C-alpha atoms as a PDB file:
ATOM      1  CA  MET A   1      42.448  51.140  25.531  1.00  0.00           C
ATOM      2  CA  SER A   2      43.807  47.650  25.293  1.00  0.00           C
ATOM      3  CA  GLY A   3      43.865  45.115  22.470  1.00  0.00           C
ATOM      4  CA  PRO A   4      47.141  43.892  20.944  1.00  0.00           C
ATOM      5  CA  GLN A   5      49.891  45.893  22.546  1.00  0.00           C
ATOM      6  CA  ARG A   6      52.499  48.117  20.931  1.00  0.00           C
ATOM      7  CA  VAL A   7      54.334  46.314  18.121  1.00  0.00           C
ATOM      8  CA  THR A   8      54.677  42.816  19.562  1.00  0.00           C
ATOM      9  CA  PRO A   9      52.152  39.982  19.454  1.00  0.00           C
ATOM     10  CA  ALA A  10      49.861  39.782  22.461  1.00  0.00           C
ATOM     11  CA  ARG A  11      50.471  36.768  24.639  1.00  0.00           C
ATOM     12  CA  ARG A  12      47.817  34.092  24.509  1.00  0.00           C
ATOM     13  CA  GLY A  13      45.892  32.853  27.517  1.00  0.00           C
ATOM     14  CA  ALA A  14      46.987  29.794  29.445  1.00  0.00           C
ATOM     15  CA  ILE A  15      46.085  27.905  32.578  1.00  0.00           C
ATOM     16  CA  ILE A  16      47.386  30.070  35.391  1.00  0.00           C
ATOM     17  CA  PRO A  17      48.682  28.351  38.561  1.00  0.00           C
ATOM     18  CA  ARG A  18      47.805  29.433  42.073  1.00  0.00           C
ATOM     19  CA  SER A  19      51.309  30.842  42.517  1.00  0.00           C
ATOM     20  CA  VAL A  20      50.413  33.748  40.257  1.00  0.00           C
ATOM     21  CA  ARG A  21      46.986  34.572  41.648  1.00  0.00           C
ATOM     22  CA  TYR A  22      47.554  38.228  40.805  1.00  0.00           C
ATOM     23  CA  VAL A  23      46.766  37.399  37.179  1.00  0.00           C
ATOM     24  CA  ALA A  24      44.212  34.685  37.775  1.00  0.00           C
ATOM     25  CA  PHE A  25      41.389  37.190  38.049  1.00  0.00           C
ATOM     26  CA  VAL A  26      41.240  37.386  34.263  1.00  0.00           C
ATOM     27  CA  SER A  27      40.569  33.651  34.051  1.00  0.00           C
ATOM     28  CA  LEU A  28      37.081  32.247  33.831  1.00  0.00           C
ATOM     29  CA  LEU A  29      37.720  30.466  37.129  1.00  0.00           C
ATOM     30  CA  THR A  30      39.513  31.994  40.066  1.00  0.00           C
ATOM     31  CA  ALA A  31      42.904  30.900  41.395  1.00  0.00           C
ATOM     32  CA  GLY A  32      42.884  27.514  43.040  1.00  0.00           C
ATOM     33  CA  CYS A  33      40.296  26.015  40.683  1.00  0.00           C
ATOM     34  CA  ALA A  34      41.488  22.924  38.860  1.00  0.00           C
ATOM     35  CA  SER A  35      40.208  23.611  35.358  1.00  0.00           C
ATOM     36  CA  ARG A  36      39.658  26.748  33.299  1.00  0.00           C
ATOM     37  CA  PRO A  37      38.554  27.330  29.714  1.00  0.00           C
ATOM     38  CA  ASP A  38      40.864  29.284  27.438  1.00  0.00           C
ATOM     39  CA  LEU A  39      40.607  33.047  27.776  1.00  0.00           C
ATOM     40  CA  PRO A  40      39.925  35.607  25.085  1.00  0.00           C
ATOM     41  CA  PRO A  41      43.208  37.328  24.091  1.00  0.00           C
ATOM     42  CA  ASP A  42      42.112  40.741  25.350  1.00  0.00           C
ATOM     43  CA  LEU A  43      41.678  39.381  28.879  1.00  0.00           C
ATOM     44  CA  THR A  44      45.004  37.590  29.141  1.00  0.00           C
ATOM     45  CA  GLY A  45      48.649  38.275  29.633  1.00  0.00           C
ATOM     46  CA  GLU A  46      48.564  40.283  32.830  1.00  0.00           C
ATOM     47  CA  THR A  47      51.900  40.149  34.627  1.00  0.00           C
ATOM     48  CA  ALA A  48      52.173  38.676  38.105  1.00  0.00           C
ATOM     49  CA  GLN A  49      53.701  40.871  40.780  1.00  0.00           C
ATOM     50  CA  THR A  50      56.193  39.405  43.260  1.00  0.00           C
ATOM     51  CA  GLU A  51      56.358  41.459  46.419  1.00  0.00           C
ATOM     52  CA  VAL A  52      59.509  41.907  48.469  1.00  0.00           C
ATOM     53  CA  PRO A  53      59.268  39.993  51.760  1.00  0.00           C
ATOM     54  CA  ALA A  54      58.468  42.588  54.385  1.00  0.00           C
ATOM     55  CA  GLY A  55      58.482  42.690  58.148  1.00  0.00           C
ATOM     56  CA  PRO A  56      59.866  44.620  61.095  1.00  0.00           C
ATOM     57  CA  THR A  57      63.597  44.112  61.710  1.00  0.00           C
ATOM     58  CA  GLY A  58      62.805  42.750  65.151  1.00  0.00           C
ATOM     59  CA  GLN A  59      60.999  39.826  63.535  1.00  0.00           C
ATOM     60  CA  ASP A  60      63.875  38.659  61.320  1.00  0.00           C
ATOM     61  CA  ARG A  61      63.919  35.368  63.213  1.00  0.00           C
ATOM     62  CA  ARG A  62      60.216  34.828  62.784  1.00  0.00           C
ATOM     63  CA  VAL A  63      59.595  31.278  61.553  1.00  0.00           C
ATOM     64  CA  VAL A  64      57.688  31.188  58.271  1.00  0.00           C
ATOM     65  CA  ALA A  65      57.934  27.451  57.495  1.00  0.00           C
ATOM     66  CA  PHE A  66      59.339  24.103  58.612  1.00  0.00           C
ATOM     67  CA  VAL A  67      61.309  21.737  56.357  1.00  0.00           C
ATOM     68  CA  ASN A  68      61.496  18.222  57.754  1.00  0.00           C
ATOM     69  CA  GLY A  69      61.021  19.720  61.178  1.00  0.00           C
ATOM     70  CA  GLU A  70      63.723  22.384  60.748  1.00  0.00           C
ATOM     71  CA  PRO A  71      62.485  25.994  61.017  1.00  0.00           C
ATOM     72  CA  VAL A  72      62.891  28.449  58.140  1.00  0.00           C
ATOM     73  CA  THR A  73      63.006  32.100  59.183  1.00  0.00           C
ATOM     74  CA  TRP A  74      61.817  35.200  57.395  1.00  0.00           C
ATOM     75  CA  ARG A  75      65.422  36.458  57.270  1.00  0.00           C
ATOM     76  CA  GLN A  76      66.657  33.291  55.550  1.00  0.00           C
ATOM     77  CA  VAL A  77      64.010  33.597  52.872  1.00  0.00           C
ATOM     78  CA  ALA A  78      64.649  37.327  52.382  1.00  0.00           C
ATOM     79  CA  ASP A  79      68.432  36.877  52.183  1.00  0.00           C
ATOM     80  CA  ARG A  80      68.079  34.074  49.651  1.00  0.00           C
ATOM     81  CA  ALA A  81      65.699  36.107  47.522  1.00  0.00           C
ATOM     82  CA  MET A  82      67.955  39.167  47.573  1.00  0.00           C
ATOM     83  CA  THR A  83      71.017  37.064  46.709  1.00  0.00           C
ATOM     84  CA  LEU A  84      69.369  35.518  43.666  1.00  0.00           C
ATOM     85  CA  SER A  85      67.171  38.360  42.413  1.00  0.00           C
ATOM     86  CA  GLY A  86      68.013  41.438  44.424  1.00  0.00           C
ATOM     87  CA  ARG A  87      67.703  44.018  41.655  1.00  0.00           C
ATOM     88  CA  ASP A  88      64.435  42.554  40.391  1.00  0.00           C
ATOM     89  CA  LEU A  89      62.940  42.563  43.883  1.00  0.00           C
ATOM     90  CA  ILE A  90      64.093  46.114  44.512  1.00  0.00           C
ATOM     91  CA  ASP A  91      62.560  47.260  41.229  1.00  0.00           C
ATOM     92  CA  GLN A  92      59.285  45.512  42.034  1.00  0.00           C
ATOM     93  CA  TYR A  93      59.184  47.221  45.408  1.00  0.00           C
ATOM     94  CA  ILE A  94      59.949  50.588  43.819  1.00  0.00           C
ATOM     95  CA  ALA A  95      57.221  50.019  41.221  1.00  0.00           C
ATOM     96  CA  ALA A  96      54.750  49.224  44.005  1.00  0.00           C
ATOM     97  CA  LYS A  97      55.769  52.359  45.928  1.00  0.00           C
ATOM     98  CA  LEU A  98      55.482  54.604  42.873  1.00  0.00           C
ATOM     99  CA  ARG A  99      52.070  53.136  42.135  1.00  0.00           C
ATOM    100  CA  GLU A 100      50.931  53.718  45.705  1.00  0.00           C
ATOM    101  CA  ASP A 101      52.109  57.315  45.470  1.00  0.00           C
ATOM    102  CA  VAL A 102      49.913  57.835  42.389  1.00  0.00           C
ATOM    103  CA  LEU A 103      46.912  56.252  44.089  1.00  0.00           C
ATOM    104  CA  ARG A 104      47.362  58.341  47.231  1.00  0.00           C
ATOM    105  CA  ARG A 105      48.035  61.591  45.381  1.00  0.00           C
ATOM    106  CA  ASN A 106      44.864  61.241  43.307  1.00  0.00           C
ATOM    107  CA  ALA A 107      42.726  59.600  46.024  1.00  0.00           C
ATOM    108  CA  ILE A 108      42.030  56.614  43.775  1.00  0.00           C
ATOM    109  CA  ALA A 109      40.056  53.947  45.611  1.00  0.00           C
ATOM    110  CA  ASN A 110      37.612  51.089  45.016  1.00  0.00           C
ATOM    111  CA  THR A 111      34.060  50.667  46.178  1.00  0.00           C
ATOM    112  CA  PRO A 112      32.280  47.299  46.450  1.00  0.00           C
ATOM    113  CA  ASP A 113      30.136  48.335  43.486  1.00  0.00           C
ATOM    114  CA  ASP A 114      33.268  49.023  41.426  1.00  0.00           C
ATOM    115  CA  LEU A 115      34.657  45.586  42.182  1.00  0.00           C
ATOM    116  CA  ARG A 116      31.388  43.886  41.376  1.00  0.00           C
ATOM    117  CA  ALA A 117      30.994  45.769  38.102  1.00  0.00           C
ATOM    118  CA  ARG A 118      34.529  44.808  37.025  1.00  0.00           C
ATOM    119  CA  ALA A 119      33.983  41.159  37.942  1.00  0.00           C
ATOM    120  CA  GLU A 120      30.664  41.046  36.107  1.00  0.00           C
ATOM    121  CA  ALA A 121      32.321  42.593  33.059  1.00  0.00           C
ATOM    122  CA  ILE A 122      34.894  39.779  33.020  1.00  0.00           C
ATOM    123  CA  VAL A 123      32.147  37.155  33.047  1.00  0.00           C
ATOM    124  CA  ALA A 124      30.202  39.019  30.356  1.00  0.00           C
ATOM    125  CA  ALA A 125      33.315  39.165  28.152  1.00  0.00           C
ATOM    126  CA  ALA A 126      33.857  35.421  28.610  1.00  0.00           C
ATOM    127  CA  ARG A 127      30.256  34.751  27.601  1.00  0.00           C
ATOM    128  CA  ARG A 128      30.615  36.920  24.477  1.00  0.00           C
ATOM    129  CA  THR A 129      33.840  35.295  23.336  1.00  0.00           C
ATOM    130  CA  GLN A 130      33.417  31.707  24.536  1.00  0.00           C
ATOM    131  CA  GLY A 131      29.660  31.257  24.571  1.00  0.00           C
ATOM    132  CA  ASP A 132      27.171  30.657  27.354  1.00  0.00           C
ATOM    133  CA  GLU A 133      27.394  26.881  27.080  1.00  0.00           C
ATOM    134  CA  ARG A 134      31.116  26.751  27.737  1.00  0.00           C
ATOM    135  CA  VAL A 135      30.992  29.256  30.593  1.00  0.00           C
ATOM    136  CA  ASN A 136      28.034  27.534  32.256  1.00  0.00           C
ATOM    137  CA  ALA A 137      29.749  24.144  31.945  1.00  0.00           C
ATOM    138  CA  ALA A 138      32.885  25.494  33.609  1.00  0.00           C
ATOM    139  CA  LEU A 139      30.851  26.961  36.453  1.00  0.00           C
ATOM    140  CA  ARG A 140      28.954  23.686  36.958  1.00  0.00           C
ATOM    141  CA  GLU A 141      32.214  21.766  37.036  1.00  0.00           C
ATOM    142  CA  GLN A 142      33.389  23.918  39.917  1.00  0.00           C
ATOM    143  CA  GLY A 143      30.042  23.837  41.707  1.00  0.00           C
ATOM    144  CA  LEU A 144      29.657  27.612  41.448  1.00  0.00           C
ATOM    145  CA  THR A 145      26.806  29.852  40.453  1.00  0.00           C
ATOM    146  CA  GLU A 146      27.724  32.954  38.488  1.00  0.00           C
ATOM    147  CA  ALA A 147      26.909  35.075  41.525  1.00  0.00           C
ATOM    148  CA  GLN A 148      29.290  33.006  43.678  1.00  0.00           C
ATOM    149  CA  TYR A 149      32.000  33.280  41.062  1.00  0.00           C
ATOM    150  CA  VAL A 150      31.621  37.051  40.889  1.00  0.00           C
ATOM    151  CA  GLN A 151      31.716  37.244  44.676  1.00  0.00           C
ATOM    152  CA  ARG A 152      35.076  35.457  44.693  1.00  0.00           C
ATOM    153  CA  PHE A 153      36.493  38.314  42.680  1.00  0.00           C
ATOM    154  CA  VAL A 154      34.882  40.921  44.902  1.00  0.00           C
ATOM    155  CA  ASP A 155      36.394  39.302  48.004  1.00  0.00           C
ATOM    156  CA  ASP A 156      39.888  38.854  46.529  1.00  0.00           C
ATOM    157  CA  PRO A 157      42.313  41.613  47.668  1.00  0.00           C
ATOM    158  CA  LEU A 158      44.574  40.919  44.668  1.00  0.00           C
ATOM    159  CA  PHE A 159      41.670  41.583  42.336  1.00  0.00           C
ATOM    160  CA  ALA A 160      41.072  44.875  44.153  1.00  0.00           C
ATOM    161  CA  GLU A 161      44.728  45.821  43.707  1.00  0.00           C
ATOM    162  CA  ARG A 162      44.553  45.064  40.004  1.00  0.00           C
ATOM    163  CA  LEU A 163      41.518  47.288  39.581  1.00  0.00           C
ATOM    164  CA  LEU A 164      43.313  50.135  41.370  1.00  0.00           C
ATOM    165  CA  THR A 165      46.191  49.823  38.896  1.00  0.00           C
ATOM    166  CA  GLU A 166      43.773  49.868  35.976  1.00  0.00           C
ATOM    167  CA  LYS A 167      42.156  53.006  37.361  1.00  0.00           C
ATOM    168  CA  ALA A 168      45.526  54.737  37.725  1.00  0.00           C
ATOM    169  CA  VAL A 169      46.506  53.904  34.142  1.00  0.00           C
ATOM    170  CA  VAL A 170      43.186  54.944  32.644  1.00  0.00           C
ATOM    171  CA  PHE A 171      43.082  58.149  34.693  1.00  0.00           C
ATOM    172  CA  THR A 172      46.532  59.014  33.345  1.00  0.00           C
ATOM    173  CA  LEU A 173      45.346  58.452  29.787  1.00  0.00           C
ATOM    174  CA  LEU A 174      42.265  60.607  30.340  1.00  0.00           C
ATOM    175  CA  SER A 175      44.011  63.437  32.164  1.00  0.00           C
ATOM    176  CA  GLU A 176      46.794  63.911  29.576  1.00  0.00           C
ATOM    177  CA  PRO A 177      46.782  64.486  25.792  1.00  0.00           C
ATOM    178  CA  THR A 178      46.836  61.072  24.118  1.00  0.00           C
ATOM    179  CA  ILE A 179      46.789  59.502  20.675  1.00  0.00           C
ATOM    180  CA  ASP A 180      45.364  56.227  19.391  1.00  0.00           C
ATOM    181  CA  VAL A 181      48.036  54.655  17.199  1.00  0.00           C
ATOM    182  CA  GLU A 182      48.231  51.724  14.796  1.00  0.00           C
ATOM    183  CA  PHE A 183      51.661  50.090  14.592  1.00  0.00           C
ATOM    184  CA  VAL A 184      53.254  47.660  12.159  1.00  0.00           C
ATOM    185  CA  ALA A 185      56.778  46.439  12.856  1.00  0.00           C
ATOM    186  CA  GLY A 186      59.147  43.796  11.569  1.00  0.00           C
ATOM    187  CA  ALA A 187      62.790  42.799  11.307  1.00  0.00           C
ATOM    188  CA  ASP A 188      62.527  42.336   7.512  1.00  0.00           C
ATOM    189  CA  GLU A 189      62.676  45.824   6.045  1.00  0.00           C
ATOM    190  CA  LYS A 190      61.547  44.602   2.609  1.00  0.00           C
ATOM    191  CA  GLU A 191      58.337  43.242   4.064  1.00  0.00           C
ATOM    192  CA  VAL A 192      57.701  46.529   5.844  1.00  0.00           C
ATOM    193  CA  GLU A 193      58.408  48.396   2.581  1.00  0.00           C
ATOM    194  CA  ARG A 194      55.890  46.142   0.822  1.00  0.00           C
ATOM    195  CA  PHE A 195      53.407  47.035   3.527  1.00  0.00           C
ATOM    196  CA  VAL A 196      54.065  50.771   3.017  1.00  0.00           C
ATOM    197  CA  ALA A 197      53.571  50.402  -0.736  1.00  0.00           C
ATOM    198  CA  ALA A 198      50.200  48.695  -0.159  1.00  0.00           C
ATOM    199  CA  VAL A 199      49.117  51.496   2.201  1.00  0.00           C
ATOM    200  CA  ASP A 200      50.216  54.105  -0.331  1.00  0.00           C
ATOM    201  CA  ALA A 201      48.053  52.312  -2.897  1.00  0.00           C
ATOM    202  CA  GLY A 202      45.013  52.772  -0.676  1.00  0.00           C
ATOM    203  CA  ALA A 203      44.928  49.646   1.514  1.00  0.00           C
ATOM    204  CA  THR A 204      44.111  49.875   5.194  1.00  0.00           C
ATOM    205  CA  PHE A 205      46.786  48.948   7.733  1.00  0.00           C
ATOM    206  CA  ALA A 206      45.011  45.649   8.430  1.00  0.00           C
ATOM    207  CA  LYS A 207      44.638  44.708   4.744  1.00  0.00           C
ATOM    208  CA  ALA A 208      48.205  45.747   3.893  1.00  0.00           C
ATOM    209  CA  ALA A 209      49.567  43.667   6.780  1.00  0.00           C
ATOM    210  CA  GLU A 210      47.752  40.597   5.446  1.00  0.00           C
ATOM    211  CA  SER A 211      49.757  40.760   2.216  1.00  0.00           C
ATOM    212  CA  ALA A 212      53.133  41.197   3.963  1.00  0.00           C
ATOM    213  CA  ARG A 213      54.707  38.083   5.461  1.00  0.00           C
ATOM    214  CA  GLY A 214      55.210  38.076   9.226  1.00  0.00           C
ATOM    215  CA  LEU A 215      53.615  41.463   9.903  1.00  0.00           C
ATOM    216  CA  ARG A 216      50.639  42.291  12.068  1.00  0.00           C
ATOM    217  CA  VAL A 217      48.842  45.411  13.187  1.00  0.00           C
ATOM    218  CA  SER A 218      48.779  46.386  16.847  1.00  0.00           C
ATOM    219  CA  ARG A 219      46.947  49.304  18.428  1.00  0.00           C
ATOM    220  CA  GLN A 220      47.704  51.369  21.475  1.00  0.00           C
ATOM    221  CA  ARG A 221      46.687  54.575  23.202  1.00  0.00           C
ATOM    222  CA  LEU A 222      49.757  56.583  24.128  1.00  0.00           C
ATOM    223  CA  ALA A 223      50.504  59.492  26.407  1.00  0.00           C
ATOM    224  CA  ARG A 224      53.816  61.306  26.248  1.00  0.00           C
ATOM    225  CA  GLY A 225      56.628  59.178  27.633  1.00  0.00           C
ATOM    226  CA  PHE A 226      54.835  55.833  27.252  1.00  0.00           C
ATOM    227  CA  LEU A 227      57.142  54.495  24.549  1.00  0.00           C
ATOM    228  CA  HIS A 228      60.542  53.164  25.528  1.00  0.00           C
ATOM    229  CA  ALA A 229      63.472  55.565  25.274  1.00  0.00           C
ATOM    230  CA  GLN A 230      64.733  53.823  22.139  1.00  0.00           C
ATOM    231  CA  MET A 231      61.487  54.855  20.421  1.00  0.00           C
ATOM    232  CA  ALA A 232      61.389  58.431  21.729  1.00  0.00           C
ATOM    233  CA  HIS A 233      62.058  59.821  18.249  1.00  0.00           C
ATOM    234  CA  LEU A 234      59.036  57.910  16.932  1.00  0.00           C
ATOM    235  CA  GLU A 235      56.857  59.207  19.751  1.00  0.00           C
ATOM    236  CA  ASP A 236      57.854  62.795  18.948  1.00  0.00           C
ATOM    237  CA  ALA A 237      56.929  62.229  15.311  1.00  0.00           C
ATOM    238  CA  LEU A 238      53.580  60.681  16.213  1.00  0.00           C
ATOM    239  CA  PHE A 239      52.504  63.552  18.460  1.00  0.00           C
ATOM    240  CA  ARG A 240      53.145  65.977  15.602  1.00  0.00           C
ATOM    241  CA  LEU A 241      50.828  64.116  13.212  1.00  0.00           C
ATOM    242  CA  LYS A 242      47.164  64.830  12.601  1.00  0.00           C
ATOM    243  CA  ASP A 243      44.392  62.219  12.631  1.00  0.00           C
ATOM    244  CA  GLY A 244      44.885  59.764   9.781  1.00  0.00           C
ATOM    245  CA  GLU A 245      48.508  60.689   9.084  1.00  0.00           C
ATOM    246  CA  ARG A 246      51.346  58.185   9.385  1.00  0.00           C
ATOM    247  CA  THR A 247      55.081  58.081   9.769  1.00  0.00           C
ATOM    248  CA  GLY A 248      57.504  56.849   7.165  1.00  0.00           C
ATOM    249  CA  LEU A 249      59.528  53.728   7.797  1.00  0.00           C
ATOM    250  CA  GLU A 250      61.255  54.319  11.140  1.00  0.00           C
ATOM    251  CA  ARG A 251      63.797  52.178  12.978  1.00  0.00           C
ATOM    252  CA  THR A 252      64.241  51.502  16.669  1.00  0.00           C
ATOM    253  CA  LEU A 253      67.679  51.313  18.259  1.00  0.00           C
ATOM    254  CA  SER A 254      67.333  47.517  18.121  1.00  0.00           C
ATOM    255  CA  ASN A 255      66.969  47.777  14.324  1.00  0.00           C
ATOM    256  CA  VAL A 256      63.258  46.936  14.091  1.00  0.00           C
ATOM    257  CA  ALA A 257      61.464  48.645  11.216  1.00  0.00           C
ATOM    258  CA  VAL A 258      58.285  50.446  12.335  1.00  0.00           C
ATOM    259  CA  VAL A 259      55.448  52.261  10.580  1.00  0.00           C
ATOM    260  CA  ALA A 260      52.736  53.936  12.657  1.00  0.00           C
ATOM    261  CA  ARG A 261      49.537  55.824  11.946  1.00  0.00           C
ATOM    262  CA  VAL A 262      47.635  58.160  14.265  1.00  0.00           C
ATOM    263  CA  GLN A 263      43.996  57.150  14.324  1.00  0.00           C
ATOM    264  CA  ARG A 264      42.764  59.855  16.667  1.00  0.00           C
ATOM    265  CA  ALA A 265      44.103  62.441  19.074  1.00  0.00           C
ATOM    266  CA  HIS A 266      42.379  63.059  22.423  1.00  0.00           C
ATOM    267  CA  ALA A 267      42.526  66.263  24.428  1.00  0.00           C
ATOM    268  CA  ALA A 268      43.366  66.165  28.124  1.00  0.00           C
ATOM    269  CA  ASP A 269      40.600  66.202  30.701  1.00  0.00           C
ATOM    270  CA  PRO A 270      41.973  68.430  33.503  1.00  0.00           C
ATOM    271  CA  ARG A 271      39.418  67.383  36.102  1.00  0.00           C
ATOM    272  CA  PRO A 272      40.654  65.533  39.222  1.00  0.00           C
ATOM    273  CA  TYR A 273      39.958  61.840  39.691  1.00  0.00           C
ATOM    274  CA  ALA A 274      37.083  62.551  42.092  1.00  0.00           C
ATOM    275  CA  GLU A 275      35.208  64.209  39.222  1.00  0.00           C
ATOM    276  CA  THR A 276      36.071  61.606  36.583  1.00  0.00           C
ATOM    277  CA  ARG A 277      35.902  58.351  38.554  1.00  0.00           C
ATOM    278  CA  ASP A 278      32.694  57.255  36.773  1.00  0.00           C
ATOM    279  CA  VAL A 279      34.284  57.950  33.388  1.00  0.00           C
ATOM    280  CA  VAL A 280      37.403  56.029  34.393  1.00  0.00           C
ATOM    281  CA  LEU A 281      35.416  52.986  35.528  1.00  0.00           C
ATOM    282  CA  ALA A 282      33.247  53.058  32.412  1.00  0.00           C
ATOM    283  CA  GLU A 283      36.361  53.009  30.227  1.00  0.00           C
ATOM    284  CA  ILE A 284      37.790  50.059  32.177  1.00  0.00           C
ATOM    285  CA  LEU A 285      34.556  48.128  31.791  1.00  0.00           C
ATOM    286  CA  ARG A 286      34.559  48.903  28.066  1.00  0.00           C
ATOM    287  CA  SER A 287      38.237  48.234  27.346  1.00  0.00           C
ATOM    288  CA  PRO A 288      40.572  47.571  30.286  1.00  0.00           C
ATOM    289  CA  PRO A 289      44.266  48.407  29.905  1.00  0.00           C
ATOM    290  CA  GLY A 290      46.387  45.443  28.891  1.00  0.00           C
ATOM    291  CA  GLU A 291      49.666  44.172  30.206  1.00  0.00           C
ATOM    292  CA  GLU A 292      51.848  46.189  27.842  1.00  0.00           C
ATOM    293  CA  GLN A 293      49.994  49.414  28.557  1.00  0.00           C
ATOM    294  CA  ILE A 294      50.426  48.907  32.299  1.00  0.00           C
ATOM    295  CA  LYS A 295      54.095  48.084  31.753  1.00  0.00           C
ATOM    296  CA  MET A 296      54.642  51.305  29.775  1.00  0.00           C
ATOM    297  CA  TRP A 297      52.876  53.324  32.463  1.00  0.00           C
ATOM    298  CA  THR A 298      55.046  51.749  35.171  1.00  0.00           C
ATOM    299  CA  GLU A 299      58.256  52.312  33.213  1.00  0.00           C
ATOM    300  CA  ARG A 300      57.309  55.950  32.790  1.00  0.00           C
ATOM    301  CA  LEU A 301      56.946  56.240  36.566  1.00  0.00           C
ATOM    302  CA  PHE A 302      60.518  54.944  36.891  1.00  0.00           C
ATOM    303  CA  ARG A 303      61.874  57.351  34.279  1.00  0.00           C
ATOM    304  CA  GLY A 304      60.136  60.268  35.952  1.00  0.00           C
ATOM    305  CA  SER A 305      61.551  59.524  39.414  1.00  0.00           C
ATOM    306  CA  LYS A 306      64.950  60.013  41.026  1.00  0.00           C
ATOM    307  CA  ILE A 307      66.118  56.520  41.977  1.00  0.00           C
ATOM    308  CA  HIS A 308      69.568  55.694  43.319  1.00  0.00           C
ATOM    309  CA  TYR A 309      70.606  52.091  43.944  1.00  0.00           C
ATOM    310  CA  GLU A 310      73.176  50.840  46.412  1.00  0.00           C
ATOM    311  CA  ASP A 311      76.337  50.017  44.420  1.00  0.00           C
ATOM    312  CA  ARG A 312      75.922  46.263  44.167  1.00  0.00           C
ATOM    313  CA  TYR A 313      72.447  46.686  42.658  1.00  0.00           C
ATOM    314  CA  SER A 314      73.186  49.681  40.430  1.00  0.00           C
ATOM    315  CA  ALA A 315      73.967  47.727  37.239  1.00  0.00           C
ATOM    316  CA  ARG A 316      71.071  46.266  35.302  1.00  0.00           C
ATOM    317  CA  ASP A 317      72.934  43.034  34.673  1.00  0.00           C
ATOM    318  CA  LYS A 318      73.397  42.384  38.388  1.00  0.00           C
ATOM    319  CA  LYS A 319      70.685  40.229  39.879  1.00  0.00           C
END
């Protein structure tokens, strides 16, 4: 269900600092390790989550740090954060609440075996893409056996939270009608037209993209409402197509030319999560959802909810 996302290039892997441990689970070495090999593209790019500072009102004066001997309180940190990035923090909190609602409503949970299977799948993917020699060298450098490395994942609460999110996304995609779609997009309409001509002449999307400058194919599984509002017209067109059919040259509201082809449509599985949990986990182990897919799922939660902001945070351009 992952792979290159939507119509933009997938972000490449990079050394991930301890400050974003939420994403470090996709690295060959866990957060806090000094050195990590590069990651395969399909295991990178997960977005770090920044949580709103939380605590009972009665503890606003609780000291959370000292700077040159001077105490820093929870309230000072929270006020500073809200002053600089209030809307972003509010949205992150709302996203976390909406996600928790989905987890609770569907009784989505982890077991130790789930966590271990997901961690082992990450190591197996690294071995396939980077080779045993490189993985083993990285483990030796850190003084870890593979079993110890896997256990770090299993014990990490942030890793557990990530797996819960993956389960929620995949369950959504299994429980609703979906389509697997190939996209090609570009700002140069002539290049996209050249691509369309090559497809009309019998070339595959991948081969046609090779002959058009600056274009690439991306693939995504979509449920209704996953695409941004500016692409709603394209989504409507896609869900009307049969397997193998494609759109003409479409444009987004930001004037990007897009061509898309439906690879395969999937019927909804109406069973509750309790009856499909093994299927959901198997799909995650086979092809975990990527950053863009999770982002689309989260944005759909926002669009499907009634959210009212206090006046000073109501405008998107106010931070």
